[in-house]
Structure formats: C-alpha cells, structure tokens
Amino acid sequence: VSANQVVHACFCSCKYCRKAHAAPIYQAVYVKEAAFEFTQGREYVKECKRPPYDANANTILDKHPGRTRLFCSECGTKVANRLPGVQDATIYGFFPSLLDEETQHALPASCTPTTHANKEH
C-alpha cells in the first residue's frame, strides 16, 4: 500500500463492528479498489453479502446493500470489507492486525488511524 492509495484509516467500536470482529475495537485501513489485492491465499477468500435493504434489519450489511465481508473459508477469519459507492468508487477495508509484524511496520504513515469512528447507522 502506498500513501496516496489510502482513503481512510480508523479505529471503530460501533456495535456492528464489535459483533463482526468479536472485539471491543478494531483498526481498519480503507484503500481504493485498484490498490487492493490479495498476494496469497485468494483461493480461500469467500464473500458474505446480504439481500437488499430491509427496514427491520439489524446488521450493517442489511442497512447498507452492496457491502460485502470477505473471510477465509479455512479458518473463518474476516479479512476485508468491500464498500461500493464511497466517494463515487468502491473501496476495500483491510485490518492491519491480521498482517505479520514486519508487514505492519512497513505500512506507510497514512495507514495510522486518524479517527475513532462509532457510527451505528
């Protein structure tokens, strides 16, 4: 990831993210679609999508059609998000804590969280 490819880097602790990550807080880095690529293990990545909007929905995927969670079919770990229609483009969110320490330390400064989101809508 190069510095100019990062759209946003944050921590989040909203109820949807707490449930999705089974954690009280998590870190995400969002990049433009063209900058996102799995360098290994792509054959294990599966998608979780929800049907179109439902007024009685209770998950972030229900409330935001088109959002997709990507996970490892071998271990079940959530590895990324795909969010269409953000800043007129599709962006991907990845989670630095899944990277080995050497790779984490090689990320550009723009991957350092600048906000702590807690949006539940």
Protein backbone atom coordinates (compact mmCIF):
# COMPACT_ATOMS: atom_id res chain seq x y z
CA VAL A 1 0.00 0.00 0.00
CA SER A 2 1.40 3.37 -0.93
CA ALA A 3 0.48 6.52 0.98
CA ASN A 4 -1.63 8.03 -1.82
CA GLN A 5 -3.81 4.91 -2.07
CA VAL A 6 -5.20 5.19 1.47
CA VAL A 7 -8.69 6.69 1.61
CA HIS A 8 -9.14 6.47 5.38
CA ALA A 9 -7.60 4.79 8.42
CA CYS A 10 -9.51 4.48 11.67
CA PHE A 11 -10.45 2.60 14.78
CA CYS A 12 -14.11 1.64 15.17
CA SER A 13 -16.12 0.45 18.14
CA CYS A 14 -19.71 0.62 16.88
CA LYS A 15 -21.97 -2.28 17.80
CA TYR A 16 -21.83 -3.71 14.26
CA CYS A 17 -18.04 -3.79 14.14
CA ARG A 18 -17.80 -5.14 17.67
CA LYS A 19 -20.01 -8.04 16.62
CA ALA A 20 -18.30 -8.60 13.26
CA HIS A 21 -14.84 -8.71 14.83
CA ALA A 22 -15.82 -10.16 18.21
CA ALA A 23 -13.76 -7.40 19.78
CA PRO A 24 -14.41 -4.12 21.61
CA ILE A 25 -12.49 -2.11 18.98
CA TYR A 26 -10.71 -2.76 15.70
CA GLN A 27 -8.43 -0.97 13.24
CA ALA A 28 -9.20 -0.67 9.53
CA VAL A 29 -7.43 0.89 6.57
CA TYR A 30 -9.53 1.69 3.50
CA VAL A 31 -7.95 1.83 0.06
CA LYS A 32 -9.14 2.35 -3.49
CA GLU A 33 -10.22 -0.79 -5.33
CA ALA A 34 -7.30 -0.59 -7.77
CA ALA A 35 -4.88 -0.65 -4.83
CA PHE A 36 -6.35 -3.73 -3.17
CA GLU A 37 -5.03 -7.19 -3.92
CA PHE A 38 -4.59 -10.46 -2.07
CA THR A 39 -0.97 -11.51 -2.53
CA GLN A 40 -1.56 -15.05 -1.29
CA GLY A 41 -4.45 -17.26 -0.29
CA ARG A 42 -7.02 -15.66 -2.63
CA GLU A 43 -8.47 -19.11 -3.34
CA TYR A 44 -9.61 -19.30 0.29
CA VAL A 45 -11.41 -15.94 0.33
CA LYS A 46 -15.21 -16.12 0.28
CA GLU A 47 -17.87 -13.39 0.35
CA CYS A 48 -20.76 -12.73 2.69
CA LYS A 49 -23.46 -10.47 1.22
CA ARG A 50 -26.92 -9.60 2.41
CA PRO A 51 -30.09 -9.13 0.39
CA PRO A 52 -31.33 -5.60 -0.42
CA TYR A 53 -32.30 -3.12 2.28
CA ASP A 54 -34.75 -4.24 4.95
CA ALA A 55 -36.28 -1.63 7.27
CA ASN A 56 -36.18 -4.15 10.11
CA ALA A 57 -32.54 -5.02 9.51
CA ASN A 58 -30.21 -5.27 12.44
CA THR A 59 -26.79 -5.65 10.84
CA ILE A 60 -24.63 -3.17 8.98
CA LEU A 61 -24.79 -5.36 5.87
CA ASP A 62 -28.59 -5.24 5.94
CA LYS A 63 -28.63 -1.46 6.29
CA HIS A 64 -26.06 -0.85 3.54
CA PRO A 65 -26.79 -3.03 0.49
CA GLY A 66 -23.74 -3.93 -1.55
CA ARG A 67 -21.35 -4.02 1.37
CA THR A 68 -19.55 -7.31 1.42
CA ARG A 69 -17.48 -9.03 4.06
CA LEU A 70 -14.61 -11.16 2.84
CA PHE A 71 -13.49 -14.04 5.01
CA CYS A 72 -11.16 -17.04 4.98
CA SER A 73 -13.04 -20.24 4.17
CA GLU A 74 -10.39 -22.28 6.00
CA CYS A 75 -10.42 -20.57 9.40
CA GLY A 76 -13.40 -18.20 9.22
CA THR A 77 -11.41 -15.03 9.92
CA LYS A 78 -12.85 -11.84 8.48
CA VAL A 79 -10.10 -10.46 6.24
CA ALA A 80 -11.60 -7.42 4.47
CA ASN A 81 -14.68 -5.39 3.57
CA ARG A 82 -15.79 -4.20 0.14
CA LEU A 83 -17.80 -0.98 0.19
CA PRO A 84 -19.28 0.26 -3.10
CA GLY A 85 -20.31 3.85 -3.64
CA VAL A 86 -17.90 5.52 -1.25
CA GLN A 87 -16.58 8.74 -2.76
CA ASP A 88 -18.06 7.54 -6.09
CA ALA A 89 -15.88 4.43 -6.05
CA THR A 90 -15.52 1.03 -4.47
CA ILE A 91 -13.09 0.83 -1.60
CA TYR A 92 -11.72 -2.08 0.38
CA GLY A 93 -11.05 -2.11 4.08
CA PHE A 94 -8.34 -4.35 5.46
CA PHE A 95 -7.25 -4.97 9.02
CA PRO A 96 -3.56 -4.39 9.82
CA SER A 97 -3.74 -6.63 12.88
CA LEU A 98 -4.04 -9.61 10.51
CA LEU A 99 -0.65 -8.84 8.95
CA ASP A 100 2.60 -10.13 10.35
CA GLU A 101 4.57 -7.59 12.40
CA GLU A 102 7.17 -6.95 9.71
CA THR A 103 4.45 -6.09 7.18
CA GLN A 104 2.59 -3.94 9.70
CA HIS A 105 5.71 -1.90 10.38
CA ALA A 106 6.28 -1.43 6.63
CA LEU A 107 2.87 0.21 6.11
CA PRO A 108 3.02 3.95 5.29
CA ALA A 109 2.13 6.53 7.94
CA SER A 110 -1.17 7.15 6.14
CA CYS A 111 -2.30 3.74 7.49
CA THR A 112 -2.11 5.07 11.04
CA PRO A 113 -5.65 5.69 12.33
CA THR A 114 -6.65 9.35 12.35
CA THR A 115 -10.16 8.90 13.77
CA HIS A 116 -12.13 6.70 16.11
CA ALA A 117 -15.49 6.02 14.49
CA ASN A 118 -18.53 4.85 16.40
CA LYS A 119 -21.26 5.20 13.78
CA GLU A 120 -24.19 2.89 14.16
CA HIS A 121 -26.29 3.93 11.17
